Every structure is written in structure tokens, then in C-alpha cells.
Amino acid sequence: MRTNNLKTRKNYLKKRILFGFALFAFAMGQAQGLEGINAADAEIRTYVESVGNLILAIGAVVGLIGAIRVYIAWNNGDQDVTKKIMGWLGACLFLVLSGAVINAFFGV
């Protein structure tokens, strides 16, 4: 009976030590993962302002192209000038707002 109790205690002790090592390894993996996430966050934040400015520049170019196309359609007497104005205005508004939202989302 005593040997059985001793084996049980040894098995219990082995399991606890093994669990402690597994927990330690998991914690070390979490620390390395956190460092990687912080590095990726810092890397992305360096590009956010440039991407936001690029989107605003693309919006400006799209706005100029749209203004020229609407002006040409208006001079030609097109019936759908209002529809073209709304389409181009919506595209420009979307690009300007998406650039502002990206900058605000990343806190730049």
C-alpha cells in the first residue's frame, strides 16, 4: 500500500513539474509574440501617414479628371450631367474621407 501511495505522489510531482515547464514555455512564447506585434504596429504606423496623403492626392487627381469630364459633357449638351456630377463627387468624397479615416484610425 505504501509503495502505491509513493508512486502516486511521484506521478503527481512529475505532472506538476511538467505543467510548470509547459506554462513557462507558453509565457515565454507570449512575450516573444507581444514583441512581434509591437514591432509590426510600429512598422505600420510609419506608413500610415504616407498612405493617407497618397489617398488624398489620388482623390485630388480623380476630382480634376471628373471636373474636366463633367465640363466636356456640359458643353456638349449631355442630358446626364447631374448624374455625372454626383458620381464624380461621390468618388472624390469617398477618397478624401477614407484618407482622413485611415489617419484617424491609426492615430496619426
PDB file of N, CA and C in Angstrom:
ATOM      1  N   MET A   1       0.824  -1.186   0.000  1.00  0.00           N
ATOM      2  CA  MET A   1       0.000   0.000   0.000  1.00  0.00           C
ATOM      3  C   MET A   1       0.869   1.251   0.000  1.00  0.00           C
ATOM      4  N   ARG A   2       1.925   1.223   0.785  1.00  0.00           N
ATOM      5  CA  ARG A   2       2.799   2.380   0.891  1.00  0.00           C
ATOM      6  C   ARG A   2       3.504   2.662  -0.434  1.00  0.00           C
ATOM      7  N   THR A   3       3.927   1.645  -1.170  1.00  0.00           N
ATOM      8  CA  THR A   3       4.612   1.846  -2.452  1.00  0.00           C
ATOM      9  C   THR A   3       3.666   2.438  -3.482  1.00  0.00           C
ATOM     10  N   ASN A   4       2.416   2.036  -3.436  1.00  0.00           N
ATOM     11  CA  ASN A   4       1.414   2.588  -4.360  1.00  0.00           C
ATOM     12  C   ASN A   4       1.209   4.073  -4.095  1.00  0.00           C
ATOM     13  N   ASN A   5       1.154   4.452  -2.811  1.00  0.00           N
ATOM     14  CA  ASN A   5       0.989   5.846  -2.432  1.00  0.00           C
ATOM     15  C   ASN A   5       2.206   6.666  -2.862  1.00  0.00           C
ATOM     16  N   LEU A   6       3.400   6.085  -2.764  1.00  0.00           N
ATOM     17  CA  LEU A   6       4.628   6.769  -3.159  1.00  0.00           C
ATOM     18  C   LEU A   6       4.672   6.969  -4.670  1.00  0.00           C
ATOM     19  N   LYS A   7       4.234   5.962  -5.437  1.00  0.00           N
ATOM     20  CA  LYS A   7       4.177   6.095  -6.901  1.00  0.00           C
ATOM     21  C   LYS A   7       3.195   7.180  -7.305  1.00  0.00           C
ATOM     22  N   THR A   8       2.088   7.237  -6.615  1.00  0.00           N
ATOM     23  CA  THR A   8       1.093   8.255  -6.925  1.00  0.00           C
ATOM     24  C   THR A   8       1.666   9.653  -6.686  1.00  0.00           C
ATOM     25  N   ARG A   9       2.381   9.799  -5.575  1.00  0.00           N
ATOM     26  CA  ARG A   9       2.981  11.105  -5.278  1.00  0.00           C
ATOM     27  C   ARG A   9       4.043  11.475  -6.311  1.00  0.00           C
ATOM     28  N   LYS A  10       4.846  10.490  -6.732  1.00  0.00           N
ATOM     29  CA  LYS A  10       5.869  10.757  -7.746  1.00  0.00           C
ATOM     30  C   LYS A  10       5.228  11.160  -9.072  1.00  0.00           C
ATOM     31  N   ASN A  11       4.184  10.441  -9.448  1.00  0.00           N
ATOM     32  CA  ASN A  11       3.481  10.792 -10.696  1.00  0.00           C
ATOM     33  C   ASN A  11       2.870  12.186 -10.603  1.00  0.00           C
ATOM     34  N   TYR A  12       2.307  12.488  -9.444  1.00  0.00           N
ATOM     35  CA  TYR A  12       1.713  13.802  -9.238  1.00  0.00           C
ATOM     36  C   TYR A  12       2.780  14.900  -9.325  1.00  0.00           C
ATOM     37  N   LEU A  13       3.936  14.637  -8.715  1.00  0.00           N
ATOM     38  CA  LEU A  13       5.033  15.597  -8.741  1.00  0.00           C
ATOM     39  C   LEU A  13       5.566  15.775 -10.163  1.00  0.00           C
ATOM     40  N   LYS A  14       5.689  14.668 -10.907  1.00  0.00           N
ATOM     41  CA  LYS A  14       6.146  14.747 -12.296  1.00  0.00           C
ATOM     42  C   LYS A  14       5.168  15.578 -13.143  1.00  0.00           C
ATOM     43  N   LYS A  15       3.898  15.342 -12.933  1.00  0.00           N
ATOM     44  CA  LYS A  15       2.889  16.083 -13.692  1.00  0.00           C
ATOM     45  C   LYS A  15       2.939  17.571 -13.368  1.00  0.00           C
ATOM     46  N   ARG A  16       3.133  17.906 -12.109  1.00  0.00           N
ATOM     47  CA  ARG A  16       3.214  19.318 -11.716  1.00  0.00           C
ATOM     48  C   ARG A  16       4.439  19.999 -12.303  1.00  0.00           C
ATOM     49  N   ILE A  17       5.568  19.302 -12.290  1.00  0.00           N
ATOM     50  CA  ILE A  17       6.796  19.864 -12.869  1.00  0.00           C
ATOM     51  C   ILE A  17       6.635  20.042 -14.376  1.00  0.00           C
ATOM     52  N   LEU A  18       6.084  19.044 -15.025  1.00  0.00           N
ATOM     53  CA  LEU A  18       5.846  19.127 -16.464  1.00  0.00           C
ATOM     54  C   LEU A  18       4.883  20.273 -16.790  1.00  0.00           C
ATOM     55  N   PHE A  19       3.847  20.426 -16.004  1.00  0.00           N
ATOM     56  CA  PHE A  19       2.904  21.525 -16.207  1.00  0.00           C
ATOM     57  C   PHE A  19       3.590  22.874 -15.991  1.00  0.00           C
ATOM     58  N   GLY A  20       4.463  22.953 -14.992  1.00  0.00           N
ATOM     59  CA  GLY A  20       5.204  24.196 -14.734  1.00  0.00           C
ATOM     60  C   GLY A  20       6.097  24.560 -15.908  1.00  0.00           C
ATOM     61  N   PHE A  21       6.786  23.569 -16.482  1.00  0.00           N
ATOM     62  CA  PHE A  21       7.631  23.838 -17.651  1.00  0.00           C
ATOM     63  C   PHE A  21       6.790  24.267 -18.844  1.00  0.00           C
ATOM     64  N   ALA A  22       5.664  23.614 -19.049  1.00  0.00           N
ATOM     65  CA  ALA A  22       4.788  23.973 -20.164  1.00  0.00           C
ATOM     66  C   ALA A  22       4.249  25.395 -19.994  1.00  0.00           C
ATOM     67  N   LEU A  23       3.881  25.744 -18.787  1.00  0.00           N
ATOM     68  CA  LEU A  23       3.385  27.091 -18.513  1.00  0.00           C
ATOM     69  C   LEU A  23       4.476  28.132 -18.735  1.00  0.00           C
ATOM     70  N   PHE A  24       5.698  27.824 -18.317  1.00  0.00           N
ATOM     71  CA  PHE A  24       6.824  28.725 -18.522  1.00  0.00           C
ATOM     72  C   PHE A  24       7.100  28.915 -20.020  1.00  0.00           C
ATOM     73  N   ALA A  25       7.090  27.824 -20.777  1.00  0.00           N
ATOM     74  CA  ALA A  25       7.332  27.916 -22.221  1.00  0.00           C
ATOM     75  C   ALA A  25       6.225  28.724 -22.903  1.00  0.00           C
ATOM     76  N   PHE A  26       5.001  28.530 -22.474  1.00  0.00           N
ATOM     77  CA  PHE A  26       3.883  29.284 -23.040  1.00  0.00           C
ATOM     78  C   PHE A  26       4.039  30.775 -22.751  1.00  0.00           C
ATOM     79  N   ALA A  27       4.440  31.110 -21.528  1.00  0.00           N
ATOM     80  CA  ALA A  27       4.624  32.518 -21.166  1.00  0.00           C
ATOM     81  C   ALA A  27       5.755  33.148 -21.974  1.00  0.00           C
ATOM     82  N   MET A  28       6.826  32.416 -22.196  1.00  0.00           N
ATOM     83  CA  MET A  28       7.935  32.946 -22.996  1.00  0.00           C
ATOM     84  C   MET A  28       7.500  33.150 -24.445  1.00  0.00           C
ATOM     85  N   GLY A  29       6.706  32.231 -24.958  1.00  0.00           N
ATOM     86  CA  GLY A  29       6.186  32.390 -26.324  1.00  0.00           C
ATOM     87  C   GLY A  29       5.280  33.603 -26.431  1.00  0.00           C
ATOM     88  N   GLN A  30       4.494  33.863 -25.402  1.00  0.00           N
ATOM     89  CA  GLN A  30       3.613  35.026 -25.408  1.00  0.00           C
ATOM     90  C   GLN A  30       4.415  36.315 -25.416  1.00  0.00           C
ATOM     91  N   ALA A  31       5.514  36.354 -24.677  1.00  0.00           N
ATOM     92  CA  ALA A  31       6.340  37.561 -24.625  1.00  0.00           C
ATOM     93  C   ALA A  31       6.956  37.842 -25.988  1.00  0.00           C
ATOM     94  N   GLN A  32       7.431  36.797 -26.654  1.00  0.00           N
ATOM     95  CA  GLN A  32       8.007  36.989 -27.981  1.00  0.00           C
ATOM     96  C   GLN A  32       6.929  37.404 -28.977  1.00  0.00           C
ATOM     97  N   GLY A  33       5.747  36.856 -28.855  1.00  0.00           N
ATOM     98  CA  GLY A  33       4.646  37.243 -29.737  1.00  0.00           C
ATOM     99  C   GLY A  33       4.256  38.683 -29.532  1.00  0.00           C
ATOM    100  N   LEU A  34       4.262  39.139 -28.282  1.00  0.00           N
ATOM    101  CA  LEU A  34       3.926  40.526 -27.987  1.00  0.00           C
ATOM    102  C   LEU A  34       4.966  41.472 -28.574  1.00  0.00           C
ATOM    103  N   GLU A  35       6.247  41.093 -28.501  1.00  0.00           N
ATOM    104  CA  GLU A  35       7.296  41.914 -29.112  1.00  0.00           C
ATOM    105  C   GLU A  35       7.100  42.007 -30.620  1.00  0.00           C
ATOM    106  N   GLY A  36       6.711  40.914 -31.248  1.00  0.00           N
ATOM    107  CA  GLY A  36       6.471  40.911 -32.691  1.00  0.00           C
ATOM    108  C   GLY A  36       5.289  41.793 -33.070  1.00  0.00           C
ATOM    109  N   ILE A  37       4.238  41.732 -32.281  1.00  0.00           N
ATOM    110  CA  ILE A  37       3.061  42.562 -32.560  1.00  0.00           C
ATOM    111  C   ILE A  37       3.403  44.036 -32.397  1.00  0.00           C
ATOM    112  N   ASN A  38       4.170  44.377 -31.357  1.00  0.00           N
ATOM    113  CA  ASN A  38       4.564  45.776 -31.169  1.00  0.00           C
ATOM    114  C   ASN A  38       5.468  46.258 -32.295  1.00  0.00           C
ATOM    115  N   ALA A  39       6.364  45.404 -32.788  1.00  0.00           N
ATOM    116  CA  ALA A  39       7.230  45.779 -33.904  1.00  0.00           C
ATOM    117  C   ALA A  39       6.404  45.998 -35.173  1.00  0.00           C
ATOM    118  N   ALA A  40       5.427  45.117 -35.413  1.00  0.00           N
ATOM    119  CA  ALA A  40       4.569  45.278 -36.583  1.00  0.00           C
ATOM    120  C   ALA A  40       3.733  46.551 -36.478  1.00  0.00           C
ATOM    121  N   ASP A  41       3.255  46.863 -35.289  1.00  0.00           N
ATOM    122  CA  ASP A  41       2.482  48.094 -35.076  1.00  0.00           C
ATOM    123  C   ASP A  41       3.328  49.324 -35.385  1.00  0.00           C
ATOM    124  N   ALA A  42       4.564  49.332 -34.908  1.00  0.00           N
ATOM    125  CA  ALA A  42       5.448  50.472 -35.172  1.00  0.00           C
ATOM    126  C   ALA A  42       5.754  50.591 -36.662  1.00  0.00           C
ATOM    127  N   GLU A  43       5.934  49.469 -37.330  1.00  0.00           N
ATOM    128  CA  GLU A  43       6.224  49.490 -38.772  1.00  0.00           C
ATOM    129  C   GLU A  43       5.035  50.010 -39.575  1.00  0.00           C
ATOM    130  N   ILE A  44       3.840  49.575 -39.210  1.00  0.00           N
ATOM    131  CA  ILE A  44       2.645  50.031 -39.929  1.00  0.00           C
ATOM    132  C   ILE A  44       2.425  51.517 -39.707  1.00  0.00           C
ATOM    133  N   ARG A  45       2.651  51.990 -38.496  1.00  0.00           N
ATOM    134  CA  ARG A  45       2.444  53.412 -38.200  1.00  0.00           C
ATOM    135  C   ARG A  45       3.381  54.318 -38.997  1.00  0.00           C
ATOM    136  N   THR A  46       4.533  53.798 -39.421  1.00  0.00           N
ATOM    137  CA  THR A  46       5.431  54.620 -40.228  1.00  0.00           C
ATOM    138  C   THR A  46       4.866  54.838 -41.627  1.00  0.00           C
ATOM    139  N   TYR A  47       4.045  53.917 -42.114  1.00  0.00           N
ATOM    140  CA  TYR A  47       3.497  54.027 -43.459  1.00  0.00           C
ATOM    141  C   TYR A  47       2.138  54.714 -43.518  1.00  0.00           C
ATOM    142  N   VAL A  48       1.449  54.808 -42.408  1.00  0.00           N
ATOM    143  CA  VAL A  48       0.062  55.273 -42.410  1.00  0.00           C
ATOM    144  C   VAL A  48      -0.060  56.701 -42.929  1.00  0.00           C
ATOM    145  N   GLU A  49       0.793  57.594 -42.482  1.00  0.00           N
ATOM    146  CA  GLU A  49       0.679  58.982 -42.907  1.00  0.00           C
ATOM    147  C   GLU A  49       0.931  59.106 -44.413  1.00  0.00           C
ATOM    148  N   SER A  50       1.897  58.361 -44.919  1.00  0.00           N
ATOM    149  CA  SER A  50       2.182  58.391 -46.358  1.00  0.00           C
ATOM    150  C   SER A  50       1.007  57.845 -47.162  1.00  0.00           C
ATOM    151  N   VAL A  51       0.410  56.767 -46.683  1.00  0.00           N
ATOM    152  CA  VAL A  51      -0.735  56.177 -47.390  1.00  0.00           C
ATOM    153  C   VAL A  51      -1.922  57.134 -47.359  1.00  0.00           C
ATOM    154  N   GLY A  52      -2.162  57.773 -46.228  1.00  0.00           N
ATOM    155  CA  GLY A  52      -3.254  58.745 -46.140  1.00  0.00           C
ATOM    156  C   GLY A  52      -3.047  59.909 -47.089  1.00  0.00           C
ATOM    157  N   ASN A  53      -1.815  60.417 -47.169  1.00  0.00           N
ATOM    158  CA  ASN A  53      -1.529  61.507 -48.098  1.00  0.00           C
ATOM    159  C   ASN A  53      -1.642  61.053 -49.550  1.00  0.00           C
ATOM    160  N   LEU A  54      -1.235  59.817 -49.835  1.00  0.00           N
ATOM    161  CA  LEU A  54      -1.369  59.278 -51.186  1.00  0.00           C
ATOM    162  C   LEU A  54      -2.836  59.176 -51.592  1.00  0.00           C
ATOM    163  N   ILE A  55      -3.676  58.727 -50.682  1.00  0.00           N
ATOM    164  CA  ILE A  55      -5.109  58.625 -50.976  1.00  0.00           C
ATOM    165  C   ILE A  55      -5.694  60.013 -51.230  1.00  0.00           C
ATOM    166  N   LEU A  56      -5.277  61.001 -50.457  1.00  0.00           N
ATOM    167  CA  LEU A  56      -5.761  62.376 -50.691  1.00  0.00           C
ATOM    168  C   LEU A  56      -5.295  62.899 -52.042  1.00  0.00           C
ATOM    169  N   ALA A  57      -4.062  62.582 -52.430  1.00  0.00           N
ATOM    170  CA  ALA A  57      -3.557  63.014 -53.737  1.00  0.00           C
ATOM    171  C   ALA A  57      -4.324  62.330 -54.870  1.00  0.00           C
ATOM    172  N   ILE A  58      -4.611  61.051 -54.710  1.00  0.00           N
ATOM    173  CA  ILE A  58      -5.404  60.339 -55.725  1.00  0.00           C
ATOM    174  C   ILE A  58      -6.797  60.948 -55.814  1.00  0.00           C
ATOM    175  N   GLY A  59      -7.370  61.313 -54.664  1.00  0.00           N
ATOM    176  CA  GLY A  59      -8.683  61.982 -54.665  1.00  0.00           C
ATOM    177  C   GLY A  59      -8.646  63.300 -55.406  1.00  0.00           C
ATOM    178  N   ALA A  60      -7.545  64.044 -55.266  1.00  0.00           N
ATOM    179  CA  ALA A  60      -7.428  65.316 -55.977  1.00  0.00           C
ATOM    180  C   ALA A  60      -7.342  65.095 -57.485  1.00  0.00           C
ATOM    181  N   VAL A  61      -6.576  64.093 -57.901  1.00  0.00           N
ATOM    182  CA  VAL A  61      -6.460  63.796 -59.336  1.00  0.00           C
ATOM    183  C   VAL A  61      -7.800  63.327 -59.890  1.00  0.00           C
ATOM    184  N   VAL A  62      -8.480  62.458 -59.153  1.00  0.00           N
ATOM    185  CA  VAL A  62      -9.804  61.984 -59.593  1.00  0.00           C
ATOM    186  C   VAL A  62     -10.776  63.158 -59.687  1.00  0.00           C
ATOM    187  N   GLY A  63     -10.680  64.098 -58.749  1.00  0.00           N
ATOM    188  CA  GLY A  63     -11.538  65.278 -58.794  1.00  0.00           C
ATOM    189  C   GLY A  63     -11.279  66.133 -60.021  1.00  0.00           C
ATOM    190  N   LEU A  64     -10.021  66.325 -60.365  1.00  0.00           N
ATOM    191  CA  LEU A  64      -9.700  67.106 -61.566  1.00  0.00           C
ATOM    192  C   LEU A  64     -10.185  66.412 -62.835  1.00  0.00           C
ATOM    193  N   ILE A  65      -9.949  65.121 -62.921  1.00  0.00           N
ATOM    194  CA  ILE A  65     -10.423  64.371 -64.091  1.00  0.00           C
ATOM    195  C   ILE A  65     -11.942  64.434 -64.179  1.00  0.00           C
ATOM    196  N   GLY A  66     -12.594  64.257 -63.056  1.00  0.00           N
ATOM    197  CA  GLY A  66     -14.063  64.327 -63.042  1.00  0.00           C
ATOM    198  C   GLY A  66     -14.565  65.698 -63.441  1.00  0.00           C
ATOM    199  N   ALA A  67     -13.907  66.757 -62.968  1.00  0.00           N
ATOM    200  CA  ALA A  67     -14.335  68.116 -63.322  1.00  0.00           C
ATOM    201  C   ALA A  67     -14.188  68.343 -64.817  1.00  0.00           C
ATOM    202  N   ILE A  68     -13.097  67.875 -65.398  1.00  0.00           N
ATOM    203  CA  ILE A  68     -12.897  68.033 -66.845  1.00  0.00           C
ATOM    204  C   ILE A  68     -13.941  67.246 -67.626  1.00  0.00           C
ATOM    205  N   ARG A  69     -14.216  66.025 -67.202  1.00  0.00           N
ATOM    206  CA  ARG A  69     -15.214  65.210 -67.928  1.00  0.00           C
ATOM    207  C   ARG A  69     -16.610  65.803 -67.801  1.00  0.00           C
ATOM    208  N   VAL A  70     -16.942  66.328 -66.633  1.00  0.00           N
ATOM    209  CA  VAL A  70     -18.253  66.955 -66.460  1.00  0.00           C
ATOM    210  C   VAL A  70     -18.343  68.226 -67.288  1.00  0.00           C
ATOM    211  N   TYR A  71     -17.282  69.009 -67.335  1.00  0.00           N
ATOM    212  CA  TYR A  71     -17.274  70.243 -68.130  1.00  0.00           C
ATOM    213  C   TYR A  71     -17.459  69.932 -69.617  1.00  0.00           C
ATOM    214  N   ILE A  72     -16.759  68.881 -70.094  1.00  0.00           N
ATOM    215  CA  ILE A  72     -16.907  68.496 -71.505  1.00  0.00           C
ATOM    216  C   ILE A  72     -18.328  68.024 -71.783  1.00  0.00           C
ATOM    217  N   ALA A  73     -18.891  67.219 -70.873  1.00  0.00           N
ATOM    218  CA  ALA A  73     -20.270  66.736 -71.059  1.00  0.00           C
ATOM    219  C   ALA A  73     -21.251  67.894 -71.027  1.00  0.00           C
ATOM    220  N   TRP A  74     -21.015  68.874 -70.172  1.00  0.00           N
ATOM    221  CA  TRP A  74     -21.902  70.031 -70.066  1.00  0.00           C
ATOM    222  C   TRP A  74     -21.850  70.875 -71.338  1.00  0.00           C
ATOM    223  N   ASN A  75     -20.650  71.068 -71.879  1.00  0.00           N
ATOM    224  CA  ASN A  75     -20.519  71.839 -73.120  1.00  0.00           C
ATOM    225  C   ASN A  75     -21.101  71.110 -74.317  1.00  0.00           C
ATOM    226  N   ASN A  76     -21.096  69.800 -74.304  1.00  0.00           N
ATOM    227  CA  ASN A  76     -21.675  69.027 -75.402  1.00  0.00           C
ATOM    228  C   ASN A  76     -23.186  68.913 -75.300  1.00  0.00           C
ATOM    229  N   GLY A  77     -23.758  69.385 -74.221  1.00  0.00           N
ATOM    230  CA  GLY A  77     -25.217  69.353 -74.072  1.00  0.00           C
ATOM    231  C   GLY A  77     -25.746  68.013 -73.625  1.00  0.00           C
ATOM    232  N   ASP A  78     -24.963  67.251 -72.915  1.00  0.00           N
ATOM    233  CA  ASP A  78     -25.408  65.951 -72.410  1.00  0.00           C
ATOM    234  C   ASP A  78     -26.580  66.131 -71.450  1.00  0.00           C
ATOM    235  N   GLN A  79     -27.476  65.146 -71.439  1.00  0.00           N
ATOM    236  CA  GLN A  79     -28.642  65.195 -70.569  1.00  0.00           C
ATOM    237  C   GLN A  79     -28.313  64.706 -69.147  1.00  0.00           C
ATOM    238  N   ASP A  80     -27.282  63.889 -69.012  1.00  0.00           N
ATOM    239  CA  ASP A  80     -26.966  63.246 -67.733  1.00  0.00           C
ATOM    240  C   ASP A  80     -25.828  63.948 -66.990  1.00  0.00           C
ATOM    241  N   VAL A  81     -25.737  65.248 -67.098  1.00  0.00           N
ATOM    242  CA  VAL A  81     -24.656  65.971 -66.434  1.00  0.00           C
ATOM    243  C   VAL A  81     -24.789  65.873 -64.914  1.00  0.00           C
ATOM    244  N   THR A  82     -25.992  65.973 -64.407  1.00  0.00           N
ATOM    245  CA  THR A  82     -26.216  65.907 -62.958  1.00  0.00           C
ATOM    246  C   THR A  82     -25.786  64.547 -62.407  1.00  0.00           C
ATOM    247  N   LYS A  83     -26.097  63.500 -63.152  1.00  0.00           N
ATOM    248  CA  LYS A  83     -25.705  62.163 -62.720  1.00  0.00           C
ATOM    249  C   LYS A  83     -24.181  62.016 -62.710  1.00  0.00           C
ATOM    250  N   LYS A  84     -23.511  62.583 -63.683  1.00  0.00           N
ATOM    251  CA  LYS A  84     -22.054  62.518 -63.723  1.00  0.00           C
ATOM    252  C   LYS A  84     -21.444  63.329 -62.587  1.00  0.00           C
ATOM    253  N   ILE A  85     -22.017  64.479 -62.310  1.00  0.00           N
ATOM    254  CA  ILE A  85     -21.523  65.303 -61.208  1.00  0.00           C
ATOM    255  C   ILE A  85     -21.623  64.537 -59.894  1.00  0.00           C
ATOM    256  N   MET A  86     -22.765  63.922 -59.662  1.00  0.00           N
ATOM    257  CA  MET A  86     -22.956  63.182 -58.406  1.00  0.00           C
ATOM    258  C   MET A  86     -22.014  61.982 -58.307  1.00  0.00           C
ATOM    259  N   GLY A  87     -21.791  61.305 -59.421  1.00  0.00           N
ATOM    260  CA  GLY A  87     -20.885  60.154 -59.420  1.00  0.00           C
ATOM    261  C   GLY A  87     -19.453  60.546 -59.115  1.00  0.00           C
ATOM    262  N   TRP A  88     -18.970  61.579 -59.788  1.00  0.00           N
ATOM    263  CA  TRP A  88     -17.598  62.025 -59.559  1.00  0.00           C
ATOM    264  C   TRP A  88     -17.452  62.649 -58.175  1.00  0.00           C
ATOM    265  N   LEU A  89     -18.434  63.379 -57.733  1.00  0.00           N
ATOM    266  CA  LEU A  89     -18.382  63.980 -56.397  1.00  0.00           C
ATOM    267  C   LEU A  89     -18.367  62.902 -55.320  1.00  0.00           C
ATOM    268  N   GLY A  90     -19.156  61.864 -55.518  1.00  0.00           N
ATOM    269  CA  GLY A  90     -19.165  60.753 -54.565  1.00  0.00           C
ATOM    270  C   GLY A  90     -17.821  60.038 -54.503  1.00  0.00           C
ATOM    271  N   ALA A  91     -17.195  59.845 -55.666  1.00  0.00           N
ATOM    272  CA  ALA A  91     -15.884  59.187 -55.697  1.00  0.00           C
ATOM    273  C   ALA A  91     -14.836  60.029 -54.971  1.00  0.00           C
ATOM    274  N   CYS A  92     -14.849  61.329 -55.237  1.00  0.00           N
ATOM    275  CA  CYS A  92     -13.882  62.222 -54.578  1.00  0.00           C
ATOM    276  C   CYS A  92     -14.136  62.284 -53.077  1.00  0.00           C
ATOM    277  N   LEU A  93     -15.376  62.374 -52.685  1.00  0.00           N
ATOM    278  CA  LEU A  93     -15.728  62.426 -51.268  1.00  0.00           C
ATOM    279  C   LEU A  93     -15.298  61.149 -50.552  1.00  0.00           C
ATOM    280  N   PHE A  94     -15.513  60.011 -51.199  1.00  0.00           N
ATOM    281  CA  PHE A  94     -15.090  58.739 -50.612  1.00  0.00           C
ATOM    282  C   PHE A  94     -13.580  58.703 -50.402  1.00  0.00           C
ATOM    283  N   LEU A  95     -12.809  59.124 -51.407  1.00  0.00           N
ATOM    284  CA  LEU A  95     -11.355  59.079 -51.278  1.00  0.00           C
ATOM    285  C   LEU A  95     -10.853  60.034 -50.193  1.00  0.00           C
ATOM    286  N   VAL A  96     -11.419  61.225 -50.132  1.00  0.00           N
ATOM    287  CA  VAL A  96     -10.993  62.182 -49.110  1.00  0.00           C
ATOM    288  C   VAL A  96     -11.336  61.662 -47.715  1.00  0.00           C
ATOM    289  N   LEU A  97     -12.540  61.147 -47.546  1.00  0.00           N
ATOM    290  CA  LEU A  97     -12.944  60.638 -46.233  1.00  0.00           C
ATOM    291  C   LEU A  97     -12.174  59.381 -45.848  1.00  0.00           C
ATOM    292  N   SER A  98     -11.883  58.509 -46.808  1.00  0.00           N
ATOM    293  CA  SER A  98     -11.129  57.296 -46.456  1.00  0.00           C
ATOM    294  C   SER A  98      -9.701  57.652 -46.049  1.00  0.00           C
ATOM    295  N   GLY A  99      -9.097  58.649 -46.681  1.00  0.00           N
ATOM    296  CA  GLY A  99      -7.774  59.097 -46.247  1.00  0.00           C
ATOM    297  C   GLY A  99      -7.803  59.655 -44.835  1.00  0.00           C
ATOM    298  N   ALA A 100      -8.825  60.441 -44.527  1.00  0.00           N
ATOM    299  CA  ALA A 100      -8.952  61.013 -43.185  1.00  0.00           C
ATOM    300  C   ALA A 100      -9.244  59.929 -42.144  1.00  0.00           C
ATOM    301  N   VAL A 101     -10.058  58.949 -42.503  1.00  0.00           N
ATOM    302  CA  VAL A 101     -10.401  57.872 -41.569  1.00  0.00           C
ATOM    303  C   VAL A 101      -9.179  57.002 -41.283  1.00  0.00           C
ATOM    304  N   ILE A 102      -8.374  56.733 -42.293  1.00  0.00           N
ATOM    305  CA  ILE A 102      -7.161  55.925 -42.070  1.00  0.00           C
ATOM    306  C   ILE A 102      -6.225  56.652 -41.122  1.00  0.00           C
ATOM    307  N   ASN A 103      -6.031  57.941 -41.334  1.00  0.00           N
ATOM    308  CA  ASN A 103      -5.169  58.710 -40.431  1.00  0.00           C
ATOM    309  C   ASN A 103      -5.751  58.740 -39.011  1.00  0.00           C
ATOM    310  N   ALA A 104      -7.044  58.911 -38.884  1.00  0.00           N
ATOM    311  CA  ALA A 104      -7.664  58.957 -37.551  1.00  0.00           C
ATOM    312  C   ALA A 104      -7.646  57.587 -36.872  1.00  0.00           C
ATOM    313  N   PHE A 105      -7.825  56.515 -37.648  1.00  0.00           N
ATOM    314  CA  PHE A 105      -7.864  55.167 -37.090  1.00  0.00           C
ATOM    315  C   PHE A 105      -6.519  54.791 -36.462  1.00  0.00           C
ATOM    316  N   PHE A 106      -5.433  55.165 -37.106  1.00  0.00           N
ATOM    317  CA  PHE A 106      -4.113  54.816 -36.596  1.00  0.00           C
ATOM    318  C   PHE A 106      -3.538  55.913 -35.706  1.00  0.00           C
ATOM    319  N   GLY A 107      -4.281  56.957 -35.457  1.00  0.00           N
ATOM    320  CA  GLY A 107      -3.852  57.994 -34.527  1.00  0.00           C
ATOM    321  C   GLY A 107      -2.711  58.859 -35.025  1.00  0.00           C
ATOM    322  N   VAL A 108      -2.678  59.091 -36.326  1.00  0.00           N
ATOM    323  CA  VAL A 108      -1.605  59.922 -36.902  1.00  0.00           C
ATOM    324  C   VAL A 108      -2.092  61.343 -37.034  1.00  0.00           C
TER     325      VAL A 108
END
